[in-house]
Amino acid sequence: MLTLMDSKDLAIRLAEAASEKKASDILLLDVREKSRFTDYFVICTGNSTPQVQAICQNIEDSMKELGQQPLRIEGYREGRWVLVDLGDVVVHIFRPESRDYYSLERLWGDAPRAIEPNFAEFATV
């Protein structure tokens, strides 16, 4: 699907964009062997609705710089769980209580992972 960069590089770039807005607990999951709808999840936490929205906006801005647009964004207004669907990469931006409740890490627990800030190490996997 992606033309400007492969899905792993895009996932890393979007994790970096989340980090730029002080997202915490950033996690990249390689779900290629577990999912038919996407290659990577980027999961992160924002401590307030405005921070969650700022993280989402920075991710959108990063996509625009790459000449791409998300396929869809859900949950932005509520700001508890924002899903940014980019096709080969899906970004989940949670408030802490929503992340604990939905626990995607547990649902996808057998997927290979790398935890922020070690993006460079993840890129070599």
C-alpha atoms as a PDB file:
ATOM      1  CA  MET A   1       0.000   0.000   0.000  1.00  0.00           C
ATOM      2  CA  LEU A   2       2.676   2.512   0.962  1.00  0.00           C
ATOM      3  CA  THR A   3       4.774   4.104  -1.724  1.00  0.00           C
ATOM      4  CA  LEU A   4       7.127   6.551  -0.020  1.00  0.00           C
ATOM      5  CA  MET A   5       8.454   4.249   2.701  1.00  0.00           C
ATOM      6  CA  ASP A   6       7.830   0.730   3.852  1.00  0.00           C
ATOM      7  CA  SER A   7       5.453   0.007   6.699  1.00  0.00           C
ATOM      8  CA  LYS A   8       8.171  -0.629   9.294  1.00  0.00           C
ATOM      9  CA  ASP A   9       9.868   2.699   8.569  1.00  0.00           C
ATOM     10  CA  LEU A  10       6.505   4.446   8.671  1.00  0.00           C
ATOM     11  CA  ALA A  11       5.659   2.858  12.035  1.00  0.00           C
ATOM     12  CA  ILE A  12       8.966   4.086  13.427  1.00  0.00           C
ATOM     13  CA  ARG A  13       8.402   7.595  12.046  1.00  0.00           C
ATOM     14  CA  LEU A  14       4.918   7.758  13.566  1.00  0.00           C
ATOM     15  CA  ALA A  15       6.225   6.545  16.925  1.00  0.00           C
ATOM     16  CA  GLU A  16       8.773   9.356  16.748  1.00  0.00           C
ATOM     17  CA  ALA A  17       5.977  11.836  15.924  1.00  0.00           C
ATOM     18  CA  ALA A  18       4.082  10.650  19.002  1.00  0.00           C
ATOM     19  CA  SER A  19       7.226  11.025  21.096  1.00  0.00           C
ATOM     20  CA  GLU A  20       7.647  14.609  19.875  1.00  0.00           C
ATOM     21  CA  LYS A  21       4.365  15.423  21.655  1.00  0.00           C
ATOM     22  CA  LYS A  22       5.488  13.644  24.830  1.00  0.00           C
ATOM     23  CA  ALA A  23       3.447  10.484  24.353  1.00  0.00           C
ATOM     24  CA  SER A  24       4.381   7.887  26.945  1.00  0.00           C
ATOM     25  CA  ASP A  25       4.663   4.102  26.907  1.00  0.00           C
ATOM     26  CA  ILE A  26       5.167   4.005  23.143  1.00  0.00           C
ATOM     27  CA  LEU A  27       5.021   0.472  21.822  1.00  0.00           C
ATOM     28  CA  LEU A  28       5.451  -0.847  18.300  1.00  0.00           C
ATOM     29  CA  LEU A  29       3.927  -4.234  17.540  1.00  0.00           C
ATOM     30  CA  ASP A  30       4.758  -6.193  14.415  1.00  0.00           C
ATOM     31  CA  VAL A  31       1.431  -7.883  13.653  1.00  0.00           C
ATOM     32  CA  ARG A  32       2.242  -9.035  10.105  1.00  0.00           C
ATOM     33  CA  GLU A  33       2.028 -12.697  11.125  1.00  0.00           C
ATOM     34  CA  LYS A  34      -1.104 -12.140  13.251  1.00  0.00           C
ATOM     35  CA  SER A  35      -3.264  -9.759  11.212  1.00  0.00           C
ATOM     36  CA  ARG A  36      -4.642  -9.544   7.714  1.00  0.00           C
ATOM     37  CA  PHE A  37      -5.575  -5.868   7.925  1.00  0.00           C
ATOM     38  CA  THR A  38      -2.319  -4.169   8.941  1.00  0.00           C
ATOM     39  CA  ASP A  39       1.402  -4.745   9.426  1.00  0.00           C
ATOM     40  CA  TYR A  40       2.186  -2.675  12.523  1.00  0.00           C
ATOM     41  CA  PHE A  41       0.475  -1.144  15.524  1.00  0.00           C
ATOM     42  CA  VAL A  42       1.882   1.926  17.208  1.00  0.00           C
ATOM     43  CA  ILE A  43       0.366   2.174  20.689  1.00  0.00           C
ATOM     44  CA  CYS A  44       0.953   5.152  22.957  1.00  0.00           C
ATOM     45  CA  THR A  45      -0.543   7.107  25.836  1.00  0.00           C
ATOM     46  CA  GLY A  46      -1.436  10.758  26.320  1.00  0.00           C
ATOM     47  CA  ASN A  47      -2.274  12.006  29.801  1.00  0.00           C
ATOM     48  CA  SER A  48      -5.121  14.331  28.797  1.00  0.00           C
ATOM     49  CA  THR A  49      -7.590  14.780  25.960  1.00  0.00           C
ATOM     50  CA  PRO A  50      -5.692  17.820  24.615  1.00  0.00           C
ATOM     51  CA  GLN A  51      -2.444  15.829  24.642  1.00  0.00           C
ATOM     52  CA  VAL A  52      -4.055  12.867  22.872  1.00  0.00           C
ATOM     53  CA  GLN A  53      -5.374  15.271  20.232  1.00  0.00           C
ATOM     54  CA  ALA A  54      -1.969  16.962  19.881  1.00  0.00           C
ATOM     55  CA  ILE A  55      -0.303  13.575  19.361  1.00  0.00           C
ATOM     56  CA  CYS A  56      -2.865  12.750  16.683  1.00  0.00           C
ATOM     57  CA  GLN A  57      -2.363  16.112  14.987  1.00  0.00           C
ATOM     58  CA  ASN A  58       1.409  15.649  14.945  1.00  0.00           C
ATOM     59  CA  ILE A  59       0.976  12.223  13.378  1.00  0.00           C
ATOM     60  CA  GLU A  60      -1.299  13.748  10.725  1.00  0.00           C
ATOM     61  CA  ASP A  61       1.261  16.493  10.084  1.00  0.00           C
ATOM     62  CA  SER A  62       4.005  13.877   9.698  1.00  0.00           C
ATOM     63  CA  MET A  63       1.879  12.057   7.148  1.00  0.00           C
ATOM     64  CA  LYS A  64       1.297  15.264   5.199  1.00  0.00           C
ATOM     65  CA  GLU A  65       5.065  15.843   5.089  1.00  0.00           C
ATOM     66  CA  LEU A  66       5.338  12.398   3.491  1.00  0.00           C
ATOM     67  CA  GLY A  67       2.597  13.229   0.993  1.00  0.00           C
ATOM     68  CA  GLN A  68       0.157  10.776   2.554  1.00  0.00           C
ATOM     69  CA  GLN A  69      -3.148  10.933   4.401  1.00  0.00           C
ATOM     70  CA  PRO A  70      -4.731   8.617   6.949  1.00  0.00           C
ATOM     71  CA  LEU A  71      -7.511   6.408   5.624  1.00  0.00           C
ATOM     72  CA  ARG A  72      -9.566   7.335   8.675  1.00  0.00           C
ATOM     73  CA  ILE A  73      -9.325   8.768  12.164  1.00  0.00           C
ATOM     74  CA  GLU A  74     -11.753   7.725  14.874  1.00  0.00           C
ATOM     75  CA  GLY A  75     -12.297   8.979  18.425  1.00  0.00           C
ATOM     76  CA  TYR A  76     -10.534  12.337  18.012  1.00  0.00           C
ATOM     77  CA  ARG A  77     -13.261  14.476  19.563  1.00  0.00           C
ATOM     78  CA  GLU A  78     -13.679  12.298  22.648  1.00  0.00           C
ATOM     79  CA  GLY A  79      -9.918  11.881  23.031  1.00  0.00           C
ATOM     80  CA  ARG A  80     -10.023   8.677  25.084  1.00  0.00           C
ATOM     81  CA  TRP A  81      -8.880   6.320  22.319  1.00  0.00           C
ATOM     82  CA  VAL A  82      -7.931   7.766  18.962  1.00  0.00           C
ATOM     83  CA  LEU A  83      -7.348   5.329  16.134  1.00  0.00           C
ATOM     84  CA  VAL A  84      -5.406   6.550  13.109  1.00  0.00           C
ATOM     85  CA  ASP A  85      -5.703   4.039  10.259  1.00  0.00           C
ATOM     86  CA  LEU A  86      -2.949   4.315   7.679  1.00  0.00           C
ATOM     87  CA  GLY A  87      -3.552   0.943   6.079  1.00  0.00           C
ATOM     88  CA  ASP A  88      -0.269  -0.846   6.733  1.00  0.00           C
ATOM     89  CA  VAL A  89       0.144   0.932  10.090  1.00  0.00           C
ATOM     90  CA  VAL A  90      -2.558   1.593  12.684  1.00  0.00           C
ATOM     91  CA  VAL A  91      -1.822   4.071  15.479  1.00  0.00           C
ATOM     92  CA  HIS A  92      -3.697   3.779  18.788  1.00  0.00           C
ATOM     93  CA  ILE A  93      -3.471   6.824  21.069  1.00  0.00           C
ATOM     94  CA  PHE A  94      -4.988   6.181  24.478  1.00  0.00           C
ATOM     95  CA  ARG A  95      -5.740   7.977  27.700  1.00  0.00           C
ATOM     96  CA  PRO A  96      -4.237   5.849  30.523  1.00  0.00           C
ATOM     97  CA  GLU A  97      -7.560   4.461  31.764  1.00  0.00           C
ATOM     98  CA  SER A  98      -8.632   3.451  28.245  1.00  0.00           C
ATOM     99  CA  ARG A  99      -5.306   1.793  27.532  1.00  0.00           C
ATOM    100  CA  ASP A 100      -5.608  -0.219  30.731  1.00  0.00           C
ATOM    101  CA  TYR A 101      -9.193  -1.189  29.936  1.00  0.00           C
ATOM    102  CA  TYR A 102      -8.681  -2.288  26.318  1.00  0.00           C
ATOM    103  CA  SER A 103      -5.194  -3.717  26.905  1.00  0.00           C
ATOM    104  CA  LEU A 104      -4.174  -4.210  23.287  1.00  0.00           C
ATOM    105  CA  GLU A 105      -0.758  -5.347  24.493  1.00  0.00           C
ATOM    106  CA  ARG A 106      -2.422  -8.381  26.050  1.00  0.00           C
ATOM    107  CA  LEU A 107      -4.671  -9.072  23.065  1.00  0.00           C
ATOM    108  CA  TRP A 108      -1.695  -8.966  20.708  1.00  0.00           C
ATOM    109  CA  GLY A 109       0.796 -10.201  23.306  1.00  0.00           C
ATOM    110  CA  ASP A 110       2.500 -12.728  21.080  1.00  0.00           C
ATOM    111  CA  ALA A 111       3.400 -10.127  18.425  1.00  0.00           C
ATOM    112  CA  PRO A 112       7.061  -9.042  18.293  1.00  0.00           C
ATOM    113  CA  ARG A 113       7.550  -5.684  20.003  1.00  0.00           C
ATOM    114  CA  ALA A 114       9.964  -2.850  20.633  1.00  0.00           C
ATOM    115  CA  ILE A 115       9.491  -0.216  23.312  1.00  0.00           C
ATOM    116  CA  GLU A 116      10.312   3.505  22.942  1.00  0.00           C
ATOM    117  CA  PRO A 117      12.842   5.078  22.814  1.00  0.00           C
ATOM    118  CA  ASN A 118      14.762   2.328  21.058  1.00  0.00           C
ATOM    119  CA  PHE A 119      13.450   3.060  17.550  1.00  0.00           C
ATOM    120  CA  ALA A 120      16.877   2.587  15.945  1.00  0.00           C
ATOM    121  CA  GLU A 121      17.177  -0.932  17.368  1.00  0.00           C
ATOM    122  CA  PHE A 122      13.669  -1.755  16.142  1.00  0.00           C
ATOM    123  CA  ALA A 123      14.602  -0.650  12.630  1.00  0.00           C
ATOM    124  CA  THR A 124      17.312  -3.298  12.455  1.00  0.00           C
ATOM    125  CA  VAL A 125      15.059  -6.215  13.467  1.00  0.00           C
END
